[in-house]
């Protein structure tokens, strides 16, 4: 899973890291930025997956990712039910995955936020809570309310989706919350306290 933001100074070390991994048998990489594709020039036998930040909202976008070398796409978190249904029915020749659960990073910036502790959420004027973390010289602001389409995987399978993503990177699968997510997945149940974005409301 390649880092979303890639600075010029990070390019050469990342290219070296990719080749190191390929030499040791890694074959699947998720790309989160248009600039990630050239990092794989000259490498063959790999599966490149586009992350949700590389928008796949229609079949033409998926065709463009395929032309660049993507073998699988991740559909956009903020897409709605009707568009997902139509898109999954299109014969694009590229498997598409839908995210069932994930944290939602809303801002990634080089600008530090002073006076904010990572263990204390920041509240917006609408009382929405956000976590602020510093990572490798970046400030990442993430919503405390996770995105979830748990309980809707049966419907999505009916649309033709056979690949799903459950991202527990911020929870861990063995934490109490992580276990609740996995149990909801197993039972096909919705999870309270999560957001479905535009899935039912529709895009405007």
C-alpha atoms as a PDB file:
ATOM      1  CA  UNK A   1       0.000   0.000   0.000  1.00  0.00           C
ATOM      2  CA  UNK A   2       2.006   2.973  -1.264  1.00  0.00           C
ATOM      3  CA  UNK A   3       1.930   6.266   0.678  1.00  0.00           C
ATOM      4  CA  UNK A   4      -0.626   8.760  -0.637  1.00  0.00           C
ATOM      5  CA  UNK A   5       1.828  11.673  -0.721  1.00  0.00           C
ATOM      6  CA  UNK A   6       5.192  11.148  -2.377  1.00  0.00           C
ATOM      7  CA  UNK A   7       7.867  13.847  -2.163  1.00  0.00           C
ATOM      8  CA  UNK A   8      10.717  14.139  -4.678  1.00  0.00           C
ATOM      9  CA  UNK A   9      13.219  13.183  -1.984  1.00  0.00           C
ATOM     10  CA  UNK A  10      11.262   9.976  -1.287  1.00  0.00           C
ATOM     11  CA  UNK A  11      11.081   8.780  -4.885  1.00  0.00           C
ATOM     12  CA  UNK A  12      14.442   7.010  -5.204  1.00  0.00           C
ATOM     13  CA  UNK A  13      14.165   5.193  -1.829  1.00  0.00           C
ATOM     14  CA  UNK A  14      10.614   4.091  -2.692  1.00  0.00           C
ATOM     15  CA  UNK A  15      11.677   2.766  -6.111  1.00  0.00           C
ATOM     16  CA  UNK A  16      14.465   0.826  -4.385  1.00  0.00           C
ATOM     17  CA  UNK A  17      12.023  -0.516  -1.790  1.00  0.00           C
ATOM     18  CA  UNK A  18       9.580  -1.657  -4.486  1.00  0.00           C
ATOM     19  CA  UNK A  19      12.311  -3.533  -6.345  1.00  0.00           C
ATOM     20  CA  UNK A  20      13.540  -5.072  -3.095  1.00  0.00           C
ATOM     21  CA  UNK A  21      10.024  -6.348  -2.374  1.00  0.00           C
ATOM     22  CA  UNK A  22       9.509  -7.663  -5.911  1.00  0.00           C
ATOM     23  CA  UNK A  23      12.791  -9.559  -5.745  1.00  0.00           C
ATOM     24  CA  UNK A  24      11.520 -11.229  -2.567  1.00  0.00           C
ATOM     25  CA  UNK A  25       8.198 -12.314  -4.029  1.00  0.00           C
ATOM     26  CA  UNK A  26       5.751  -9.458  -3.453  1.00  0.00           C
ATOM     27  CA  UNK A  27       3.385  -9.255  -6.426  1.00  0.00           C
ATOM     28  CA  UNK A  28       0.464  -7.035  -5.357  1.00  0.00           C
ATOM     29  CA  UNK A  29       0.718  -3.281  -4.748  1.00  0.00           C
ATOM     30  CA  UNK A  30      -1.989  -0.698  -4.099  1.00  0.00           C
ATOM     31  CA  UNK A  31      -1.419   2.715  -5.690  1.00  0.00           C
ATOM     32  CA  UNK A  32      -2.951   5.828  -4.143  1.00  0.00           C
ATOM     33  CA  UNK A  33      -1.587   8.564  -6.391  1.00  0.00           C
ATOM     34  CA  UNK A  34      -1.332   9.016 -10.163  1.00  0.00           C
ATOM     35  CA  UNK A  35       2.425   9.488  -9.748  1.00  0.00           C
ATOM     36  CA  UNK A  36       2.784   5.936  -8.428  1.00  0.00           C
ATOM     37  CA  UNK A  37       2.388   4.246 -11.829  1.00  0.00           C
ATOM     38  CA  UNK A  38       5.838   5.241 -13.208  1.00  0.00           C
ATOM     39  CA  UNK A  39       7.467   3.676 -10.134  1.00  0.00           C
ATOM     40  CA  UNK A  40       6.708   0.267 -11.648  1.00  0.00           C
ATOM     41  CA  UNK A  41       8.185   0.912 -15.102  1.00  0.00           C
ATOM     42  CA  UNK A  42      10.109  -2.138 -16.295  1.00  0.00           C
ATOM     43  CA  UNK A  43       8.518  -4.515 -13.774  1.00  0.00           C
ATOM     44  CA  UNK A  44       6.290  -7.352 -14.971  1.00  0.00           C
ATOM     45  CA  UNK A  45       4.101 -10.038 -13.444  1.00  0.00           C
ATOM     46  CA  UNK A  46       2.595  -7.701 -10.836  1.00  0.00           C
ATOM     47  CA  UNK A  47      -0.974  -6.806  -9.913  1.00  0.00           C
ATOM     48  CA  UNK A  48      -1.397  -3.054  -9.451  1.00  0.00           C
ATOM     49  CA  UNK A  49      -4.555  -2.031  -7.612  1.00  0.00           C
ATOM     50  CA  UNK A  50      -5.856   1.537  -7.583  1.00  0.00           C
ATOM     51  CA  UNK A  51      -6.912   2.806  -4.161  1.00  0.00           C
ATOM     52  CA  UNK A  52     -10.119   4.779  -3.618  1.00  0.00           C
ATOM     53  CA  UNK A  53      -8.269   8.106  -3.998  1.00  0.00           C
ATOM     54  CA  UNK A  54      -7.793   7.299  -7.687  1.00  0.00           C
ATOM     55  CA  UNK A  55     -11.431   7.938  -8.501  1.00  0.00           C
ATOM     56  CA  UNK A  56     -13.266   5.151 -10.340  1.00  0.00           C
ATOM     57  CA  UNK A  57     -16.733   6.638 -10.744  1.00  0.00           C
ATOM     58  CA  UNK A  58     -17.383   5.455 -14.302  1.00  0.00           C
ATOM     59  CA  UNK A  59     -16.211   2.864 -16.807  1.00  0.00           C
ATOM     60  CA  UNK A  60     -14.048   5.368 -18.679  1.00  0.00           C
ATOM     61  CA  UNK A  61     -12.015   6.058 -15.555  1.00  0.00           C
ATOM     62  CA  UNK A  62     -11.539   2.316 -15.058  1.00  0.00           C
ATOM     63  CA  UNK A  63     -10.460   1.983 -18.711  1.00  0.00           C
ATOM     64  CA  UNK A  64      -7.849   4.712 -18.121  1.00  0.00           C
ATOM     65  CA  UNK A  65      -6.470   2.921 -15.051  1.00  0.00           C
ATOM     66  CA  UNK A  66      -6.350  -0.323 -17.042  1.00  0.00           C
ATOM     67  CA  UNK A  67      -4.391   1.396 -19.805  1.00  0.00           C
ATOM     68  CA  UNK A  68      -1.888   2.629 -17.211  1.00  0.00           C
ATOM     69  CA  UNK A  69      -1.401  -0.918 -15.953  1.00  0.00           C
ATOM     70  CA  UNK A  70      -3.974  -1.424 -13.186  1.00  0.00           C
ATOM     71  CA  UNK A  71      -5.275  -4.968 -12.831  1.00  0.00           C
ATOM     72  CA  UNK A  72      -7.886  -4.088 -10.204  1.00  0.00           C
ATOM     73  CA  UNK A  73      -9.638  -0.936  -8.976  1.00  0.00           C
ATOM     74  CA  UNK A  74     -11.135   0.165  -5.681  1.00  0.00           C
ATOM     75  CA  UNK A  75     -14.400   2.060  -6.133  1.00  0.00           C
ATOM     76  CA  UNK A  76     -14.856   5.454  -4.513  1.00  0.00           C
ATOM     77  CA  UNK A  77     -15.998   5.693  -0.876  1.00  0.00           C
ATOM     78  CA  UNK A  78     -18.471   8.484  -1.626  1.00  0.00           C
ATOM     79  CA  UNK A  79     -20.213   6.773  -4.532  1.00  0.00           C
ATOM     80  CA  UNK A  80     -23.920   5.948  -4.251  1.00  0.00           C
ATOM     81  CA  UNK A  81     -25.924   2.757  -4.584  1.00  0.00           C
ATOM     82  CA  UNK A  82     -27.297   3.430  -8.073  1.00  0.00           C
ATOM     83  CA  UNK A  83     -23.973   4.400  -9.607  1.00  0.00           C
ATOM     84  CA  UNK A  84     -22.238   1.430  -7.963  1.00  0.00           C
ATOM     85  CA  UNK A  85     -24.926  -0.880  -9.351  1.00  0.00           C
ATOM     86  CA  UNK A  86     -24.513   0.458 -12.881  1.00  0.00           C
ATOM     87  CA  UNK A  87     -20.721   0.496 -12.690  1.00  0.00           C
ATOM     88  CA  UNK A  88     -20.433  -3.063 -11.365  1.00  0.00           C
ATOM     89  CA  UNK A  89     -22.684  -4.249 -14.207  1.00  0.00           C
ATOM     90  CA  UNK A  90     -20.327  -2.818 -16.859  1.00  0.00           C
ATOM     91  CA  UNK A  91     -17.969  -5.322 -18.539  1.00  0.00           C
ATOM     92  CA  UNK A  92     -14.788  -3.303 -17.927  1.00  0.00           C
ATOM     93  CA  UNK A  93     -12.455  -6.300 -17.843  1.00  0.00           C
ATOM     94  CA  UNK A  94     -11.047  -5.068 -14.518  1.00  0.00           C
ATOM     95  CA  UNK A  95     -12.154  -6.505 -11.147  1.00  0.00           C
ATOM     96  CA  UNK A  96     -13.578  -3.843  -8.836  1.00  0.00           C
ATOM     97  CA  UNK A  97     -13.453  -3.895  -5.035  1.00  0.00           C
ATOM     98  CA  UNK A  98     -15.807  -2.056  -2.679  1.00  0.00           C
ATOM     99  CA  UNK A  99     -14.673  -0.830   0.735  1.00  0.00           C
ATOM    100  CA  UNK A 100     -16.914  -2.159   3.497  1.00  0.00           C
ATOM    101  CA  UNK A 101     -15.094  -0.548   6.412  1.00  0.00           C
ATOM    102  CA  UNK A 102     -12.303   2.005   6.695  1.00  0.00           C
ATOM    103  CA  UNK A 103     -11.063   5.083   8.546  1.00  0.00           C
ATOM    104  CA  UNK A 104     -11.601   8.323   6.625  1.00  0.00           C
ATOM    105  CA  UNK A 105      -8.579  10.613   6.225  1.00  0.00           C
ATOM    106  CA  UNK A 106      -9.976  14.046   5.365  1.00  0.00           C
ATOM    107  CA  UNK A 107      -6.758  16.100   5.222  1.00  0.00           C
ATOM    108  CA  UNK A 108      -3.125  15.151   4.620  1.00  0.00           C
ATOM    109  CA  UNK A 109      -0.817  18.171   4.765  1.00  0.00           C
ATOM    110  CA  UNK A 110       2.764  19.223   5.394  1.00  0.00           C
ATOM    111  CA  UNK A 111       1.449  22.017   7.638  1.00  0.00           C
ATOM    112  CA  UNK A 112       1.701  21.102  11.343  1.00  0.00           C
ATOM    113  CA  UNK A 113      -1.241  21.813  13.632  1.00  0.00           C
ATOM    114  CA  UNK A 114       0.078  23.383  16.826  1.00  0.00           C
ATOM    115  CA  UNK A 115      -1.309  22.725  20.284  1.00  0.00           C
ATOM    116  CA  UNK A 116      -3.181  19.553  19.281  1.00  0.00           C
ATOM    117  CA  UNK A 117      -2.604  16.226  20.999  1.00  0.00           C
ATOM    118  CA  UNK A 118      -3.018  12.986  19.071  1.00  0.00           C
ATOM    119  CA  UNK A 119      -4.808  11.359  22.026  1.00  0.00           C
ATOM    120  CA  UNK A 120      -7.481  14.066  22.190  1.00  0.00           C
ATOM    121  CA  UNK A 121      -9.928  14.526  19.271  1.00  0.00           C
ATOM    122  CA  UNK A 122     -10.611  17.928  17.762  1.00  0.00           C
ATOM    123  CA  UNK A 123     -14.268  18.982  17.501  1.00  0.00           C
ATOM    124  CA  UNK A 124     -15.649  20.916  14.545  1.00  0.00           C
ATOM    125  CA  UNK A 125     -18.354  23.574  14.899  1.00  0.00           C
ATOM    126  CA  UNK A 126     -20.838  20.775  14.085  1.00  0.00           C
ATOM    127  CA  UNK A 127     -19.491  18.677  16.987  1.00  0.00           C
ATOM    128  CA  UNK A 128     -17.824  16.210  14.616  1.00  0.00           C
ATOM    129  CA  UNK A 129     -14.676  14.661  16.104  1.00  0.00           C
ATOM    130  CA  UNK A 130     -11.363  14.300  14.252  1.00  0.00           C
ATOM    131  CA  UNK A 131      -8.014  12.737  15.166  1.00  0.00           C
ATOM    132  CA  UNK A 132      -4.870  14.693  14.297  1.00  0.00           C
ATOM    133  CA  UNK A 133      -1.653  12.709  13.929  1.00  0.00           C
ATOM    134  CA  UNK A 134       1.862  13.508  12.783  1.00  0.00           C
ATOM    135  CA  UNK A 135       3.392  10.926  10.438  1.00  0.00           C
ATOM    136  CA  UNK A 136       6.732  11.262   8.640  1.00  0.00           C
ATOM    137  CA  UNK A 137       6.546  15.050   8.472  1.00  0.00           C
ATOM    138  CA  UNK A 138       2.855  15.064   7.518  1.00  0.00           C
ATOM    139  CA  UNK A 139      -0.240  16.061   9.453  1.00  0.00           C
ATOM    140  CA  UNK A 140      -3.101  13.608   8.924  1.00  0.00           C
ATOM    141  CA  UNK A 141      -6.616  14.572  10.028  1.00  0.00           C
ATOM    142  CA  UNK A 142      -8.962  11.584  10.231  1.00  0.00           C
ATOM    143  CA  UNK A 143     -12.659  11.486  11.119  1.00  0.00           C
ATOM    144  CA  UNK A 144     -13.433   9.679  14.378  1.00  0.00           C
ATOM    145  CA  UNK A 145     -16.517   8.249  12.648  1.00  0.00           C
ATOM    146  CA  UNK A 146     -15.416   5.421  10.378  1.00  0.00           C
ATOM    147  CA  UNK A 147     -16.930   4.682   6.982  1.00  0.00           C
ATOM    148  CA  UNK A 148     -18.949   1.467   6.810  1.00  0.00           C
ATOM    149  CA  UNK A 149     -21.113  -0.424   4.337  1.00  0.00           C
ATOM    150  CA  UNK A 150     -21.230  -3.472   6.607  1.00  0.00           C
ATOM    151  CA  UNK A 151     -24.598  -5.163   6.356  1.00  0.00           C
ATOM    152  CA  UNK A 152     -24.877  -4.222   2.688  1.00  0.00           C
ATOM    153  CA  UNK A 153     -22.427  -6.712   1.234  1.00  0.00           C
ATOM    154  CA  UNK A 154     -25.271  -9.012   0.150  1.00  0.00           C
ATOM    155  CA  UNK A 155     -26.776  -6.218  -1.922  1.00  0.00           C
ATOM    156  CA  UNK A 156     -23.371  -5.356  -3.377  1.00  0.00           C
ATOM    157  CA  UNK A 157     -22.775  -9.006  -4.256  1.00  0.00           C
ATOM    158  CA  UNK A 158     -26.106  -8.884  -6.080  1.00  0.00           C
ATOM    159  CA  UNK A 159     -24.732  -5.962  -8.086  1.00  0.00           C
ATOM    160  CA  UNK A 160     -21.815  -8.169  -9.139  1.00  0.00           C
ATOM    161  CA  UNK A 161     -19.135  -7.239  -6.590  1.00  0.00           C
ATOM    162  CA  UNK A 162     -17.004 -10.144  -5.374  1.00  0.00           C
ATOM    163  CA  UNK A 163     -14.098  -8.223  -3.792  1.00  0.00           C
ATOM    164  CA  UNK A 164     -14.389  -6.296  -0.533  1.00  0.00           C
ATOM    165  CA  UNK A 165     -11.968  -4.319   1.635  1.00  0.00           C
ATOM    166  CA  UNK A 166     -12.142  -4.113   5.429  1.00  0.00           C
ATOM    167  CA  UNK A 167      -9.420  -1.743   6.652  1.00  0.00           C
ATOM    168  CA  UNK A 168      -8.592  -2.265  10.319  1.00  0.00           C
ATOM    169  CA  UNK A 169      -5.183  -0.589  10.161  1.00  0.00           C
ATOM    170  CA  UNK A 170      -6.198   1.941  12.832  1.00  0.00           C
ATOM    171  CA  UNK A 171      -7.890  -0.611  15.104  1.00  0.00           C
ATOM    172  CA  UNK A 172      -6.146  -3.942  14.758  1.00  0.00           C
ATOM    173  CA  UNK A 173      -8.174  -7.129  14.288  1.00  0.00           C
ATOM    174  CA  UNK A 174      -7.789  -8.213  17.925  1.00  0.00           C
ATOM    175  CA  UNK A 175      -8.865  -4.976  19.625  1.00  0.00           C
ATOM    176  CA  UNK A 176     -12.414  -4.896  21.054  1.00  0.00           C
ATOM    177  CA  UNK A 177     -13.545  -2.544  18.258  1.00  0.00           C
ATOM    178  CA  UNK A 178     -11.744  -4.569  15.605  1.00  0.00           C
ATOM    179  CA  UNK A 179     -13.479  -7.729  16.822  1.00  0.00           C
ATOM    180  CA  UNK A 180     -16.873  -5.965  16.645  1.00  0.00           C
ATOM    181  CA  UNK A 181     -16.186  -4.990  13.037  1.00  0.00           C
ATOM    182  CA  UNK A 182     -15.227  -8.549  12.088  1.00  0.00           C
ATOM    183  CA  UNK A 183     -18.260  -9.965  13.892  1.00  0.00           C
ATOM    184  CA  UNK A 184     -20.559  -7.549  12.031  1.00  0.00           C
ATOM    185  CA  UNK A 185     -18.885  -8.628   8.797  1.00  0.00           C
ATOM    186  CA  UNK A 186     -19.397 -12.317   9.632  1.00  0.00           C
ATOM    187  CA  UNK A 187     -23.053 -11.798  10.536  1.00  0.00           C
ATOM    188  CA  UNK A 188     -23.773  -9.418   7.665  1.00  0.00           C
ATOM    189  CA  UNK A 189     -24.993  -6.765  10.105  1.00  0.00           C
ATOM    190  CA  UNK A 190     -24.716  -2.981  10.121  1.00  0.00           C
ATOM    191  CA  UNK A 191     -22.476  -1.317  12.691  1.00  0.00           C
ATOM    192  CA  UNK A 192     -23.839   1.625  14.736  1.00  0.00           C
ATOM    193  CA  UNK A 193     -21.839   4.838  14.963  1.00  0.00           C
ATOM    194  CA  UNK A 194     -20.486   4.689  11.420  1.00  0.00           C
ATOM    195  CA  UNK A 195     -21.093   6.708   8.245  1.00  0.00           C
ATOM    196  CA  UNK A 196     -22.319   5.453   4.851  1.00  0.00           C
ATOM    197  CA  UNK A 197     -21.660   8.779   3.084  1.00  0.00           C
ATOM    198  CA  UNK A 198     -23.736   8.995  -0.139  1.00  0.00           C
ATOM    199  CA  UNK A 199     -24.631   5.323  -0.487  1.00  0.00           C
ATOM    200  CA  UNK A 200     -28.338   5.772   0.251  1.00  0.00           C
ATOM    201  CA  UNK A 201     -28.667   9.547  -0.113  1.00  0.00           C
ATOM    202  CA  UNK A 202     -27.264   9.640  -3.664  1.00  0.00           C
ATOM    203  CA  UNK A 203     -24.783  11.915  -5.396  1.00  0.00           C
ATOM    204  CA  UNK A 204     -25.917  15.439  -6.222  1.00  0.00           C
END
